[in-house]
Amino acid sequence: MRAESRSTASVIAIASVIAIAVAIAMFSSVAMAQSPGAGALPGGNVIRVHYVGMPDDVGRAGCAIWSSATGWPRQREQATQRVGAPIKNGSAVCEFWVLPPGTYAVATFHDKQMTGKMALNFLGMPTESYGFSNDAPVGLGPPSFDAASFKYPGGVFDITIHAKK
């Protein structure tokens, strides 16, 4: 084998290994985000969000929960937990595990491109459906944390959020 061919084969092999490592890392983070939290047991503390009324099953539902107004709802990195959930018949169920009793608010969106971010138009308006706990109304911006918040007493707790567009 000529040196040039060996060099090309080496570059291809290294690129393949890097691509596989990136794919595994991406899959692991998605799988972890969809799995119950560490130590979660059936019947333990879980808030289940039923996000309904999405126009189709493309992509996934993105859900985030906050325990305070800090970062609500635009700074998702400040959310208490973030999860993605598959969509079936225009509905998805996002589960937030191992949360202590308290006050929380949830923001959801239809993540059609599976980017983990809400798609916005040039005016900053959502181009995909979205929703908030309490089906809190939207004005010129998102609802306040207080408008979307609810008391979580612990245990298994279900809420429903209807998609808005």
N, C-alpha and C. Protein backbone atom coordinates (compact mmCIF):
# COMPACT_ATOMS: atom_id res chain seq x y z
N MET A 1 0.86 -1.17 0.00
CA MET A 1 0.00 0.00 0.00
C MET A 1 0.90 1.23 0.00
N ARG A 2 0.60 2.17 -0.87
CA ARG A 2 1.41 3.39 -0.94
C ARG A 2 1.18 4.24 0.30
N ALA A 3 2.14 5.09 0.62
CA ALA A 3 2.06 5.96 1.79
C ALA A 3 0.84 6.87 1.71
N GLU A 4 0.54 7.34 0.49
CA GLU A 4 -0.60 8.24 0.30
C GLU A 4 -1.91 7.52 0.62
N SER A 5 -2.05 6.28 0.20
CA SER A 5 -3.26 5.49 0.47
C SER A 5 -3.39 5.19 1.95
N ARG A 6 -2.24 4.86 2.61
CA ARG A 6 -2.29 4.61 4.06
C ARG A 6 -2.71 5.86 4.80
N SER A 7 -2.22 7.02 4.37
CA SER A 7 -2.57 8.28 5.01
C SER A 7 -4.07 8.56 4.87
N THR A 8 -4.62 8.35 3.69
CA THR A 8 -6.04 8.56 3.46
C THR A 8 -6.87 7.58 4.28
N ALA A 9 -6.44 6.32 4.34
CA ALA A 9 -7.15 5.32 5.13
C ALA A 9 -7.11 5.69 6.60
N SER A 10 -6.00 6.20 7.10
CA SER A 10 -5.88 6.61 8.50
C SER A 10 -6.82 7.76 8.82
N VAL A 11 -6.90 8.73 7.92
CA VAL A 11 -7.79 9.88 8.13
C VAL A 11 -9.24 9.41 8.18
N ILE A 12 -9.60 8.50 7.27
CA ILE A 12 -10.97 7.98 7.25
C ILE A 12 -11.27 7.21 8.53
N ALA A 13 -10.33 6.40 8.99
CA ALA A 13 -10.54 5.63 10.22
C ALA A 13 -10.70 6.55 11.42
N ILE A 14 -9.86 7.56 11.52
CA ILE A 14 -9.94 8.50 12.65
C ILE A 14 -11.27 9.26 12.60
N ALA A 15 -11.68 9.70 11.41
CA ALA A 15 -12.95 10.42 11.27
C ALA A 15 -14.12 9.52 11.66
N SER A 16 -14.05 8.24 11.30
CA SER A 16 -15.11 7.30 11.66
C SER A 16 -15.22 7.12 13.16
N VAL A 17 -14.06 6.99 13.82
CA VAL A 17 -14.05 6.82 15.28
C VAL A 17 -14.63 8.06 15.96
N ILE A 18 -14.25 9.24 15.47
CA ILE A 18 -14.76 10.49 16.06
C ILE A 18 -16.27 10.58 15.85
N ALA A 19 -16.75 10.24 14.65
CA ALA A 19 -18.20 10.30 14.37
C ALA A 19 -18.97 9.34 15.28
N ILE A 20 -18.44 8.15 15.49
CA ILE A 20 -19.11 7.18 16.37
C ILE A 20 -19.13 7.70 17.81
N ALA A 21 -18.01 8.26 18.27
CA ALA A 21 -17.95 8.79 19.64
C ALA A 21 -18.95 9.93 19.84
N VAL A 22 -19.06 10.82 18.85
CA VAL A 22 -20.02 11.93 18.94
C VAL A 22 -21.45 11.39 18.96
N ALA A 23 -21.73 10.40 18.11
CA ALA A 23 -23.08 9.82 18.08
C ALA A 23 -23.43 9.17 19.41
N ILE A 24 -22.48 8.44 20.00
CA ILE A 24 -22.73 7.80 21.30
C ILE A 24 -22.98 8.85 22.37
N ALA A 25 -22.18 9.91 22.37
CA ALA A 25 -22.35 10.97 23.37
C ALA A 25 -23.71 11.64 23.21
N MET A 26 -24.12 11.91 21.97
CA MET A 26 -25.42 12.55 21.75
C MET A 26 -26.54 11.62 22.17
N PHE A 27 -26.46 10.34 21.81
CA PHE A 27 -27.50 9.39 22.19
C PHE A 27 -27.58 9.25 23.70
N SER A 28 -26.43 9.22 24.37
CA SER A 28 -26.41 9.07 25.83
C SER A 28 -27.10 10.23 26.50
N SER A 29 -26.86 11.45 26.03
CA SER A 29 -27.47 12.60 26.68
C SER A 29 -28.97 12.61 26.45
N VAL A 30 -29.43 12.20 25.26
CA VAL A 30 -30.87 12.14 25.01
C VAL A 30 -31.49 11.04 25.85
N ALA A 31 -30.86 9.88 25.90
CA ALA A 31 -31.40 8.77 26.68
C ALA A 31 -31.48 9.13 28.15
N MET A 32 -30.46 9.79 28.67
CA MET A 32 -30.47 10.17 30.08
C MET A 32 -31.56 11.19 30.34
N ALA A 33 -31.80 12.10 29.40
CA ALA A 33 -32.81 13.12 29.61
C ALA A 33 -34.20 12.52 29.62
N GLN A 34 -34.38 11.36 28.97
CA GLN A 34 -35.70 10.75 28.92
C GLN A 34 -35.89 9.70 30.00
N SER A 35 -34.85 9.38 30.74
CA SER A 35 -34.92 8.34 31.75
C SER A 35 -35.26 8.92 33.11
N PRO A 36 -35.84 8.12 33.98
CA PRO A 36 -36.07 8.58 35.34
C PRO A 36 -34.76 8.97 36.00
N GLY A 37 -34.82 9.91 36.91
CA GLY A 37 -33.64 10.38 37.62
C GLY A 37 -33.02 9.30 38.47
N ALA A 38 -31.81 9.54 38.90
CA ALA A 38 -31.09 8.56 39.71
C ALA A 38 -31.88 8.23 40.96
N GLY A 39 -32.06 6.98 41.21
CA GLY A 39 -32.77 6.56 42.41
C GLY A 39 -34.28 6.59 42.29
N ALA A 40 -34.79 6.93 41.09
CA ALA A 40 -36.24 6.99 40.92
C ALA A 40 -36.83 5.59 40.98
N LEU A 41 -37.91 5.46 41.69
CA LEU A 41 -38.60 4.19 41.82
C LEU A 41 -40.04 4.38 41.38
N PRO A 42 -40.66 3.33 40.80
CA PRO A 42 -42.07 3.45 40.47
C PRO A 42 -42.85 3.84 41.72
N GLY A 43 -43.75 4.80 41.57
CA GLY A 43 -44.54 5.25 42.70
C GLY A 43 -43.84 6.36 43.48
N GLY A 44 -42.62 6.73 43.09
CA GLY A 44 -41.89 7.81 43.76
C GLY A 44 -42.40 9.16 43.28
N ASN A 45 -41.65 10.19 43.60
CA ASN A 45 -42.03 11.54 43.19
C ASN A 45 -41.83 11.72 41.69
N VAL A 46 -42.90 12.01 41.00
CA VAL A 46 -42.84 12.27 39.56
C VAL A 46 -43.96 13.22 39.17
N ILE A 47 -43.61 14.20 38.36
CA ILE A 47 -44.61 15.08 37.74
C ILE A 47 -44.69 14.65 36.28
N ARG A 48 -45.88 14.21 35.86
CA ARG A 48 -46.11 13.81 34.47
C ARG A 48 -46.86 14.92 33.76
N VAL A 49 -46.27 15.39 32.68
CA VAL A 49 -46.88 16.46 31.89
C VAL A 49 -47.42 15.85 30.60
N HIS A 50 -48.73 15.92 30.44
CA HIS A 50 -49.39 15.45 29.22
C HIS A 50 -49.52 16.66 28.30
N TYR A 51 -48.68 16.68 27.27
CA TYR A 51 -48.66 17.79 26.32
C TYR A 51 -49.47 17.35 25.11
N VAL A 52 -50.64 17.96 24.91
CA VAL A 52 -51.61 17.49 23.92
C VAL A 52 -51.92 18.57 22.88
N GLY A 53 -52.38 18.11 21.71
CA GLY A 53 -52.85 19.04 20.68
C GLY A 53 -51.79 19.50 19.70
N MET A 54 -50.66 18.78 19.62
CA MET A 54 -49.65 19.14 18.62
C MET A 54 -50.19 18.75 17.25
N PRO A 55 -49.83 19.51 16.20
CA PRO A 55 -50.43 19.28 14.89
C PRO A 55 -50.00 18.00 14.18
N ASP A 56 -48.86 17.42 14.58
CA ASP A 56 -48.38 16.19 13.95
C ASP A 56 -47.40 15.49 14.88
N ASP A 57 -46.86 14.38 14.43
CA ASP A 57 -45.95 13.57 15.26
C ASP A 57 -44.49 13.74 14.87
N VAL A 58 -44.17 14.75 14.09
CA VAL A 58 -42.80 14.99 13.64
C VAL A 58 -41.96 15.49 14.81
N GLY A 59 -40.75 14.96 14.96
CA GLY A 59 -39.84 15.41 16.01
C GLY A 59 -40.19 14.84 17.37
N ARG A 60 -40.10 15.69 18.38
CA ARG A 60 -40.39 15.28 19.76
C ARG A 60 -40.92 16.48 20.53
N ALA A 61 -41.41 16.21 21.72
CA ALA A 61 -41.83 17.29 22.62
C ALA A 61 -40.65 17.65 23.49
N GLY A 62 -40.40 18.93 23.66
CA GLY A 62 -39.38 19.40 24.58
C GLY A 62 -40.08 19.99 25.79
N CYS A 63 -39.65 19.59 26.98
CA CYS A 63 -40.29 20.04 28.21
C CYS A 63 -39.22 20.46 29.21
N ALA A 64 -39.49 21.51 29.93
CA ALA A 64 -38.58 21.97 30.99
C ALA A 64 -39.41 22.41 32.19
N ILE A 65 -38.86 22.18 33.38
CA ILE A 65 -39.56 22.55 34.62
C ILE A 65 -38.65 23.43 35.45
N TRP A 66 -39.22 24.49 36.01
CA TRP A 66 -38.49 25.42 36.86
C TRP A 66 -39.09 25.40 38.26
N SER A 67 -38.24 25.58 39.26
CA SER A 67 -38.71 25.66 40.64
C SER A 67 -38.71 27.10 41.15
N SER A 68 -38.33 28.04 40.29
CA SER A 68 -38.37 29.46 40.65
C SER A 68 -38.45 30.28 39.37
N ALA A 69 -38.65 31.57 39.52
CA ALA A 69 -38.75 32.46 38.36
C ALA A 69 -37.40 32.72 37.71
N THR A 70 -36.31 32.33 38.34
CA THR A 70 -34.98 32.56 37.79
C THR A 70 -34.83 31.83 36.46
N GLY A 71 -34.68 32.59 35.39
CA GLY A 71 -34.50 32.03 34.06
C GLY A 71 -35.78 31.65 33.34
N TRP A 72 -36.91 31.73 34.02
CA TRP A 72 -38.20 31.32 33.44
C TRP A 72 -38.58 32.22 32.28
N PRO A 73 -39.11 31.70 31.20
CA PRO A 73 -38.92 30.37 30.63
C PRO A 73 -37.87 30.34 29.53
N ARG A 74 -37.17 31.43 29.34
CA ARG A 74 -36.27 31.53 28.19
C ARG A 74 -34.88 30.96 28.40
N GLN A 75 -34.43 30.89 29.62
CA GLN A 75 -33.08 30.38 29.88
C GLN A 75 -33.17 28.93 30.34
N ARG A 76 -33.28 28.05 29.37
CA ARG A 76 -33.53 26.64 29.67
C ARG A 76 -32.42 25.99 30.48
N GLU A 77 -31.20 26.55 30.38
CA GLU A 77 -30.10 25.98 31.18
C GLU A 77 -30.32 26.20 32.67
N GLN A 78 -31.23 27.10 33.04
CA GLN A 78 -31.53 27.33 34.45
C GLN A 78 -32.75 26.54 34.93
N ALA A 79 -33.32 25.74 34.04
CA ALA A 79 -34.45 24.90 34.43
C ALA A 79 -33.98 23.85 35.42
N THR A 80 -34.89 23.40 36.28
CA THR A 80 -34.59 22.35 37.25
C THR A 80 -34.31 21.04 36.53
N GLN A 81 -35.12 20.71 35.53
CA GLN A 81 -34.92 19.54 34.69
C GLN A 81 -35.44 19.84 33.29
N ARG A 82 -34.84 19.18 32.29
CA ARG A 82 -35.31 19.25 30.91
C ARG A 82 -35.40 17.83 30.37
N VAL A 83 -36.45 17.54 29.63
CA VAL A 83 -36.62 16.22 29.03
C VAL A 83 -37.23 16.35 27.64
N GLY A 84 -37.03 15.32 26.85
CA GLY A 84 -37.68 15.19 25.57
C GLY A 84 -38.55 13.95 25.61
N ALA A 85 -39.62 13.95 24.83
CA ALA A 85 -40.53 12.80 24.81
C ALA A 85 -41.03 12.57 23.39
N PRO A 86 -41.21 11.31 23.00
CA PRO A 86 -41.76 11.03 21.68
C PRO A 86 -43.21 11.49 21.58
N ILE A 87 -43.62 11.79 20.36
CA ILE A 87 -44.99 12.25 20.10
C ILE A 87 -45.76 11.13 19.42
N LYS A 88 -46.97 10.88 19.89
CA LYS A 88 -47.84 9.89 19.26
C LYS A 88 -49.25 10.47 19.23
N ASN A 89 -49.82 10.51 18.05
CA ASN A 89 -51.16 11.06 17.85
C ASN A 89 -51.27 12.49 18.40
N GLY A 90 -50.23 13.29 18.19
CA GLY A 90 -50.26 14.69 18.60
C GLY A 90 -50.09 14.92 20.08
N SER A 91 -49.70 13.89 20.84
CA SER A 91 -49.54 14.01 22.29
C SER A 91 -48.21 13.41 22.74
N ALA A 92 -47.72 13.90 23.85
CA ALA A 92 -46.49 13.38 24.45
C ALA A 92 -46.63 13.45 25.97
N VAL A 93 -45.87 12.61 26.66
CA VAL A 93 -45.84 12.64 28.13
C VAL A 93 -44.40 12.84 28.56
N CYS A 94 -44.14 13.97 29.20
CA CYS A 94 -42.82 14.27 29.76
C CYS A 94 -42.87 13.97 31.25
N GLU A 95 -41.86 13.27 31.74
CA GLU A 95 -41.82 12.91 33.16
C GLU A 95 -40.63 13.56 33.84
N PHE A 96 -40.91 14.21 34.95
CA PHE A 96 -39.88 14.84 35.78
C PHE A 96 -39.82 14.07 37.09
N TRP A 97 -38.71 13.37 37.31
CA TRP A 97 -38.56 12.46 38.45
C TRP A 97 -37.76 13.08 39.58
N VAL A 98 -37.98 12.55 40.76
CA VAL A 98 -37.20 12.84 41.97
C VAL A 98 -37.22 14.33 42.30
N LEU A 99 -38.38 14.94 42.23
CA LEU A 99 -38.54 16.34 42.61
C LEU A 99 -39.16 16.42 44.00
N PRO A 100 -38.64 17.28 44.84
CA PRO A 100 -39.27 17.43 46.15
C PRO A 100 -40.57 18.23 46.03
N PRO A 101 -41.48 18.09 46.99
CA PRO A 101 -42.68 18.93 46.97
C PRO A 101 -42.27 20.41 46.90
N GLY A 102 -43.07 21.20 46.21
CA GLY A 102 -42.77 22.62 46.08
C GLY A 102 -43.61 23.25 44.99
N THR A 103 -43.18 24.43 44.57
CA THR A 103 -43.87 25.18 43.52
C THR A 103 -43.04 25.06 42.24
N TYR A 104 -43.72 24.72 41.15
CA TYR A 104 -43.05 24.51 39.87
C TYR A 104 -43.86 25.14 38.75
N ALA A 105 -43.20 25.37 37.60
CA ALA A 105 -43.87 25.79 36.36
C ALA A 105 -43.19 25.05 35.21
N VAL A 106 -44.00 24.69 34.20
CA VAL A 106 -43.50 23.91 33.07
C VAL A 106 -43.72 24.68 31.78
N ALA A 107 -42.72 24.63 30.90
CA ALA A 107 -42.82 25.15 29.54
C ALA A 107 -42.59 23.98 28.59
N THR A 108 -43.40 23.91 27.53
CA THR A 108 -43.28 22.82 26.54
C THR A 108 -43.23 23.42 25.15
N PHE A 109 -42.68 22.66 24.22
CA PHE A 109 -42.73 23.06 22.82
C PHE A 109 -42.58 21.84 21.93
N HIS A 110 -43.06 21.97 20.70
CA HIS A 110 -42.98 20.91 19.70
C HIS A 110 -41.65 21.10 18.98
N ASP A 111 -40.71 20.24 19.28
CA ASP A 111 -39.34 20.33 18.75
C ASP A 111 -39.26 19.53 17.45
N LYS A 112 -39.80 20.10 16.37
CA LYS A 112 -39.87 19.37 15.10
C LYS A 112 -38.49 19.04 14.54
N GLN A 113 -37.55 19.96 14.65
CA GLN A 113 -36.20 19.72 14.12
C GLN A 113 -35.29 18.99 15.11
N MET A 114 -35.81 18.72 16.31
CA MET A 114 -35.06 18.02 17.36
C MET A 114 -33.72 18.72 17.67
N THR A 115 -33.80 20.03 17.81
CA THR A 115 -32.61 20.83 18.13
C THR A 115 -32.50 21.09 19.63
N GLY A 116 -33.59 20.86 20.36
CA GLY A 116 -33.60 21.18 21.78
C GLY A 116 -33.91 22.64 22.04
N LYS A 117 -34.18 23.39 20.99
CA LYS A 117 -34.48 24.82 21.12
C LYS A 117 -35.77 25.14 20.38
N MET A 118 -36.52 26.09 20.91
CA MET A 118 -37.74 26.51 20.24
C MET A 118 -37.37 27.30 18.98
N ALA A 119 -38.00 26.96 17.86
CA ALA A 119 -37.77 27.68 16.60
C ALA A 119 -38.55 28.99 16.62
N LEU A 120 -37.86 30.07 16.26
CA LEU A 120 -38.47 31.40 16.26
C LEU A 120 -38.35 32.03 14.89
N ASN A 121 -39.30 32.90 14.52
CA ASN A 121 -39.19 33.62 13.26
C ASN A 121 -38.34 34.88 13.46
N PHE A 122 -38.22 35.71 12.44
CA PHE A 122 -37.37 36.89 12.52
C PHE A 122 -37.86 37.92 13.53
N LEU A 123 -39.11 37.83 13.96
CA LEU A 123 -39.64 38.72 14.98
C LEU A 123 -39.49 38.15 16.39
N GLY A 124 -38.96 36.93 16.48
CA GLY A 124 -38.80 36.28 17.78
C GLY A 124 -40.04 35.53 18.23
N MET A 125 -41.00 35.31 17.32
CA MET A 125 -42.23 34.59 17.64
C MET A 125 -42.03 33.10 17.34
N PRO A 126 -42.60 32.23 18.17
CA PRO A 126 -42.46 30.78 17.94
C PRO A 126 -43.07 30.36 16.60
N THR A 127 -42.38 29.46 15.91
CA THR A 127 -42.91 28.91 14.66
C THR A 127 -43.44 27.49 14.88
N GLU A 128 -43.26 26.97 16.08
CA GLU A 128 -43.77 25.64 16.44
C GLU A 128 -44.71 25.81 17.63
N SER A 129 -45.57 24.82 17.85
CA SER A 129 -46.50 24.93 18.96
C SER A 129 -45.76 24.89 20.30
N TYR A 130 -46.39 25.42 21.32
CA TYR A 130 -45.80 25.54 22.65
C TYR A 130 -46.92 25.57 23.68
N GLY A 131 -46.56 25.51 24.94
CA GLY A 131 -47.56 25.60 25.99
C GLY A 131 -46.91 25.79 27.35
N PHE A 132 -47.73 26.13 28.33
CA PHE A 132 -47.25 26.38 29.69
C PHE A 132 -48.21 25.72 30.69
N SER A 133 -47.68 25.35 31.83
CA SER A 133 -48.54 24.78 32.87
C SER A 133 -49.65 25.77 33.20
N ASN A 134 -50.75 25.23 33.69
CA ASN A 134 -51.99 25.99 33.93
C ASN A 134 -52.59 26.51 32.64
N ASP A 135 -52.06 26.07 31.49
CA ASP A 135 -52.44 26.65 30.20
C ASP A 135 -52.43 28.17 30.31
N ALA A 136 -51.40 28.68 31.00
CA ALA A 136 -51.27 30.11 31.25
C ALA A 136 -51.31 30.88 29.93
N PRO A 137 -52.12 31.93 29.88
CA PRO A 137 -52.25 32.70 28.63
C PRO A 137 -50.98 33.47 28.29
N VAL A 138 -50.80 33.64 27.00
CA VAL A 138 -49.64 34.36 26.47
C VAL A 138 -50.10 35.71 25.97
N GLY A 139 -49.37 36.76 26.33
CA GLY A 139 -49.66 38.10 25.82
C GLY A 139 -48.60 38.47 24.80
N LEU A 140 -47.92 39.57 25.04
CA LEU A 140 -46.84 39.99 24.16
C LEU A 140 -45.55 39.22 24.45
N GLY A 141 -45.59 38.39 25.44
CA GLY A 141 -44.46 37.55 25.80
C GLY A 141 -44.98 36.35 26.56
N PRO A 142 -44.07 35.54 27.07
CA PRO A 142 -44.52 34.36 27.82
C PRO A 142 -45.19 34.77 29.12
N PRO A 143 -45.98 33.86 29.70
CA PRO A 143 -46.62 34.17 30.99
C PRO A 143 -45.57 34.27 32.09
N SER A 144 -45.94 34.90 33.17
CA SER A 144 -45.04 34.99 34.33
C SER A 144 -44.93 33.62 34.99
N PHE A 145 -43.90 33.44 35.78
CA PHE A 145 -43.75 32.21 36.54
C PHE A 145 -44.97 32.01 37.43
N ASP A 146 -45.43 33.08 38.08
CA ASP A 146 -46.59 32.97 38.98
C ASP A 146 -47.84 32.49 38.23
N ALA A 147 -48.05 32.97 36.99
CA ALA A 147 -49.23 32.57 36.22
C ALA A 147 -49.18 31.09 35.83
N ALA A 148 -47.98 30.56 35.62
CA ALA A 148 -47.83 29.17 35.18
C ALA A 148 -47.54 28.21 36.32
N SER A 149 -47.26 28.72 37.51
CA SER A 149 -46.81 27.84 38.59
C SER A 149 -47.96 27.09 39.25
N PHE A 150 -47.61 25.96 39.85
CA PHE A 150 -48.56 25.12 40.56
C PHE A 150 -47.86 24.51 41.77
N LYS A 151 -48.65 24.12 42.75
CA LYS A 151 -48.12 23.48 43.95
C LYS A 151 -48.04 21.98 43.72
N TYR A 152 -46.88 21.42 43.99
CA TYR A 152 -46.67 19.97 43.86
C TYR A 152 -46.54 19.39 45.26
N PRO A 153 -47.50 18.52 45.65
CA PRO A 153 -47.47 17.99 47.01
C PRO A 153 -46.56 16.77 47.19
N GLY A 154 -46.00 16.27 46.10
CA GLY A 154 -45.19 15.05 46.16
C GLY A 154 -45.99 13.89 45.58
N GLY A 155 -45.33 12.75 45.40
CA GLY A 155 -45.99 11.58 44.83
C GLY A 155 -46.11 11.69 43.32
N VAL A 156 -47.08 10.97 42.76
CA VAL A 156 -47.34 11.01 41.32
C VAL A 156 -48.34 12.13 41.07
N PHE A 157 -48.01 13.03 40.16
CA PHE A 157 -48.81 14.23 39.92
C PHE A 157 -48.90 14.45 38.41
N ASP A 158 -50.11 14.53 37.88
CA ASP A 158 -50.33 14.70 36.44
C ASP A 158 -50.89 16.08 36.15
N ILE A 159 -50.35 16.71 35.09
CA ILE A 159 -50.93 17.95 34.58
C ILE A 159 -51.06 17.81 33.07
N THR A 160 -51.95 18.61 32.49
CA THR A 160 -52.13 18.63 31.04
C THR A 160 -51.86 20.03 30.54
N ILE A 161 -51.11 20.10 29.45
CA ILE A 161 -50.83 21.38 28.78
C ILE A 161 -51.32 21.23 27.35
N HIS A 162 -52.14 22.18 26.90
CA HIS A 162 -52.67 22.19 25.53
C HIS A 162 -51.76 23.05 24.66
N ALA A 163 -51.35 22.49 23.51
CA ALA A 163 -50.47 23.20 22.59
C ALA A 163 -51.13 24.45 22.04
N LYS A 164 -50.36 25.52 21.98
CA LYS A 164 -50.80 26.78 21.37
C LYS A 164 -49.94 27.00 20.14
N LYS A 165 -50.44 27.75 19.20
CA LYS A 165 -49.64 28.11 18.02
C LYS A 165 -49.80 29.56 17.74
